[in-house]
């Protein structure tokens, strides 16, 4: 999802940033060297929880120009035989 305010997404700089980010995303592999993105199967997690983005509406009065770009990344598969991605106490990966 891309929300553009003020025509930022049409700029050459944004096009360069977008290309670099997408290239980085497609290079992600887990487990390393697998050629895929396979996550540990965690039963009980519900798909789509926490997927609302009220951020843009909250910032609308402060932002005259900008881009909010949300990239959803789907895993190729889930498996109980791959290692978990270690997480810190804040929920972010420790990679």
C-alpha atoms as a PDB file:
ATOM      1  CA  UNK A   1       0.000   0.000   0.000  1.00  0.00           C
ATOM      2  CA  UNK A   2       1.393   3.385  -0.967  1.00  0.00           C
ATOM      3  CA  UNK A   3      -0.181   6.630   0.195  1.00  0.00           C
ATOM      4  CA  UNK A   4       1.349   9.673  -1.460  1.00  0.00           C
ATOM      5  CA  UNK A   5       0.761  13.242  -0.394  1.00  0.00           C
ATOM      6  CA  UNK A   6       2.239  16.048  -2.451  1.00  0.00           C
ATOM      7  CA  UNK A   7       3.506  13.976  -5.398  1.00  0.00           C
ATOM      8  CA  UNK A   8       6.553  12.522  -3.619  1.00  0.00           C
ATOM      9  CA  UNK A   9       6.083   9.080  -5.200  1.00  0.00           C
ATOM     10  CA  UNK A  10       6.602  10.553  -8.673  1.00  0.00           C
ATOM     11  CA  UNK A  11      10.094  11.836  -7.826  1.00  0.00           C
ATOM     12  CA  UNK A  12      13.218  10.167  -9.178  1.00  0.00           C
ATOM     13  CA  UNK A  13      14.622   9.881  -5.647  1.00  0.00           C
ATOM     14  CA  UNK A  14      11.545   7.972  -4.465  1.00  0.00           C
ATOM     15  CA  UNK A  15      11.743   5.633  -7.465  1.00  0.00           C
ATOM     16  CA  UNK A  16      15.375   4.861  -6.529  1.00  0.00           C
ATOM     17  CA  UNK A  17      14.476   4.268  -2.868  1.00  0.00           C
ATOM     18  CA  UNK A  18      11.548   2.028  -3.803  1.00  0.00           C
ATOM     19  CA  UNK A  19      13.711  -0.072  -6.164  1.00  0.00           C
ATOM     20  CA  UNK A  20      16.414  -0.529  -3.506  1.00  0.00           C
ATOM     21  CA  UNK A  21      13.931  -1.520  -0.784  1.00  0.00           C
ATOM     22  CA  UNK A  22      12.158  -4.048  -3.006  1.00  0.00           C
ATOM     23  CA  UNK A  23      15.495  -5.548  -4.040  1.00  0.00           C
ATOM     24  CA  UNK A  24      16.497  -5.882  -0.371  1.00  0.00           C
ATOM     25  CA  UNK A  25      13.182  -7.544   0.498  1.00  0.00           C
ATOM     26  CA  UNK A  26      13.486 -10.117  -2.288  1.00  0.00           C
ATOM     27  CA  UNK A  27      16.983 -11.056  -1.092  1.00  0.00           C
ATOM     28  CA  UNK A  28      15.768 -12.136   2.377  1.00  0.00           C
ATOM     29  CA  UNK A  29      16.232 -15.860   3.026  1.00  0.00           C
ATOM     30  CA  UNK A  30      15.411 -17.862   6.140  1.00  0.00           C
ATOM     31  CA  UNK A  31      16.969 -20.207   6.986  1.00  0.00           C
ATOM     32  CA  UNK A  32      20.086 -18.598   5.493  1.00  0.00           C
ATOM     33  CA  UNK A  33      21.039 -20.122   2.137  1.00  0.00           C
ATOM     34  CA  UNK A  34      17.648 -21.798   1.663  1.00  0.00           C
ATOM     35  CA  UNK A  35      16.564 -19.698  -1.328  1.00  0.00           C
ATOM     36  CA  UNK A  36      13.191 -19.156   0.391  1.00  0.00           C
ATOM     37  CA  UNK A  37      11.591 -17.402   3.341  1.00  0.00           C
ATOM     38  CA  UNK A  38      10.274 -20.140   5.635  1.00  0.00           C
ATOM     39  CA  UNK A  39       9.040 -19.308   9.112  1.00  0.00           C
ATOM     40  CA  UNK A  40       8.586 -21.511  12.148  1.00  0.00           C
ATOM     41  CA  UNK A  41       4.952 -22.583  12.401  1.00  0.00           C
ATOM     42  CA  UNK A  42       3.343 -20.934  15.439  1.00  0.00           C
ATOM     43  CA  UNK A  43      -0.212 -22.230  15.840  1.00  0.00           C
ATOM     44  CA  UNK A  44      -2.682 -19.794  17.343  1.00  0.00           C
ATOM     45  CA  UNK A  45      -1.434 -16.665  15.604  1.00  0.00           C
ATOM     46  CA  UNK A  46      -4.227 -14.973  13.700  1.00  0.00           C
ATOM     47  CA  UNK A  47      -3.576 -13.580  10.266  1.00  0.00           C
ATOM     48  CA  UNK A  48      -4.248  -9.875   9.854  1.00  0.00           C
ATOM     49  CA  UNK A  49      -4.146  -8.839  13.490  1.00  0.00           C
ATOM     50  CA  UNK A  50      -2.684  -5.402  13.925  1.00  0.00           C
ATOM     51  CA  UNK A  51      -2.979  -4.536  10.254  1.00  0.00           C
ATOM     52  CA  UNK A  52      -4.754  -1.178  10.613  1.00  0.00           C
ATOM     53  CA  UNK A  53      -2.790   1.921   9.716  1.00  0.00           C
ATOM     54  CA  UNK A  54      -4.402   4.940  11.384  1.00  0.00           C
ATOM     55  CA  UNK A  55      -0.963   6.596  11.391  1.00  0.00           C
ATOM     56  CA  UNK A  56      -1.497   8.562   8.183  1.00  0.00           C
ATOM     57  CA  UNK A  57      -4.792  10.013   9.384  1.00  0.00           C
ATOM     58  CA  UNK A  58      -3.154  10.996  12.685  1.00  0.00           C
ATOM     59  CA  UNK A  59      -0.336  12.801  10.866  1.00  0.00           C
ATOM     60  CA  UNK A  60      -2.489  14.425   8.152  1.00  0.00           C
ATOM     61  CA  UNK A  61      -2.526  17.833   9.834  1.00  0.00           C
ATOM     62  CA  UNK A  62       1.284  17.852  10.203  1.00  0.00           C
ATOM     63  CA  UNK A  63       2.433  16.383   6.879  1.00  0.00           C
ATOM     64  CA  UNK A  64       2.199  18.488   3.720  1.00  0.00           C
ATOM     65  CA  UNK A  65       4.308  16.174   1.554  1.00  0.00           C
ATOM     66  CA  UNK A  66       5.305  12.600   2.190  1.00  0.00           C
ATOM     67  CA  UNK A  67       4.857   8.924   1.526  1.00  0.00           C
ATOM     68  CA  UNK A  68       3.593   6.153   3.771  1.00  0.00           C
ATOM     69  CA  UNK A  69       4.609   2.856   2.190  1.00  0.00           C
ATOM     70  CA  UNK A  70       3.484  -0.371   3.797  1.00  0.00           C
ATOM     71  CA  UNK A  71       5.001  -3.544   2.390  1.00  0.00           C
ATOM     72  CA  UNK A  72       3.414  -6.800   3.488  1.00  0.00           C
ATOM     73  CA  UNK A  73       5.864  -9.685   3.300  1.00  0.00           C
ATOM     74  CA  UNK A  74       4.458 -13.186   3.021  1.00  0.00           C
ATOM     75  CA  UNK A  75       6.559 -16.202   3.882  1.00  0.00           C
ATOM     76  CA  UNK A  76       6.988 -18.971   1.310  1.00  0.00           C
ATOM     77  CA  UNK A  77       6.029 -21.636   3.839  1.00  0.00           C
ATOM     78  CA  UNK A  78       5.871 -22.534   7.511  1.00  0.00           C
ATOM     79  CA  UNK A  79       7.675 -25.462   9.071  1.00  0.00           C
ATOM     80  CA  UNK A  80       8.509 -26.846  12.481  1.00  0.00           C
ATOM     81  CA  UNK A  81      11.945 -27.912  11.189  1.00  0.00           C
ATOM     82  CA  UNK A  82      13.420 -24.430  10.630  1.00  0.00           C
ATOM     83  CA  UNK A  83      15.046 -22.431  13.410  1.00  0.00           C
ATOM     84  CA  UNK A  84      13.072 -19.585  14.941  1.00  0.00           C
ATOM     85  CA  UNK A  85      14.207 -16.042  14.241  1.00  0.00           C
ATOM     86  CA  UNK A  86      15.459 -14.823  17.603  1.00  0.00           C
ATOM     87  CA  UNK A  87      13.615 -11.767  18.943  1.00  0.00           C
ATOM     88  CA  UNK A  88      14.449  -9.175  21.543  1.00  0.00           C
ATOM     89  CA  UNK A  89      12.134  -8.083  24.334  1.00  0.00           C
ATOM     90  CA  UNK A  90      10.658  -5.446  21.992  1.00  0.00           C
ATOM     91  CA  UNK A  91       9.587  -8.128  19.477  1.00  0.00           C
ATOM     92  CA  UNK A  92      12.127  -7.131  16.838  1.00  0.00           C
ATOM     93  CA  UNK A  93      14.445  -9.645  15.235  1.00  0.00           C
ATOM     94  CA  UNK A  94      17.990  -9.881  16.629  1.00  0.00           C
ATOM     95  CA  UNK A  95      19.654 -10.238  13.216  1.00  0.00           C
END
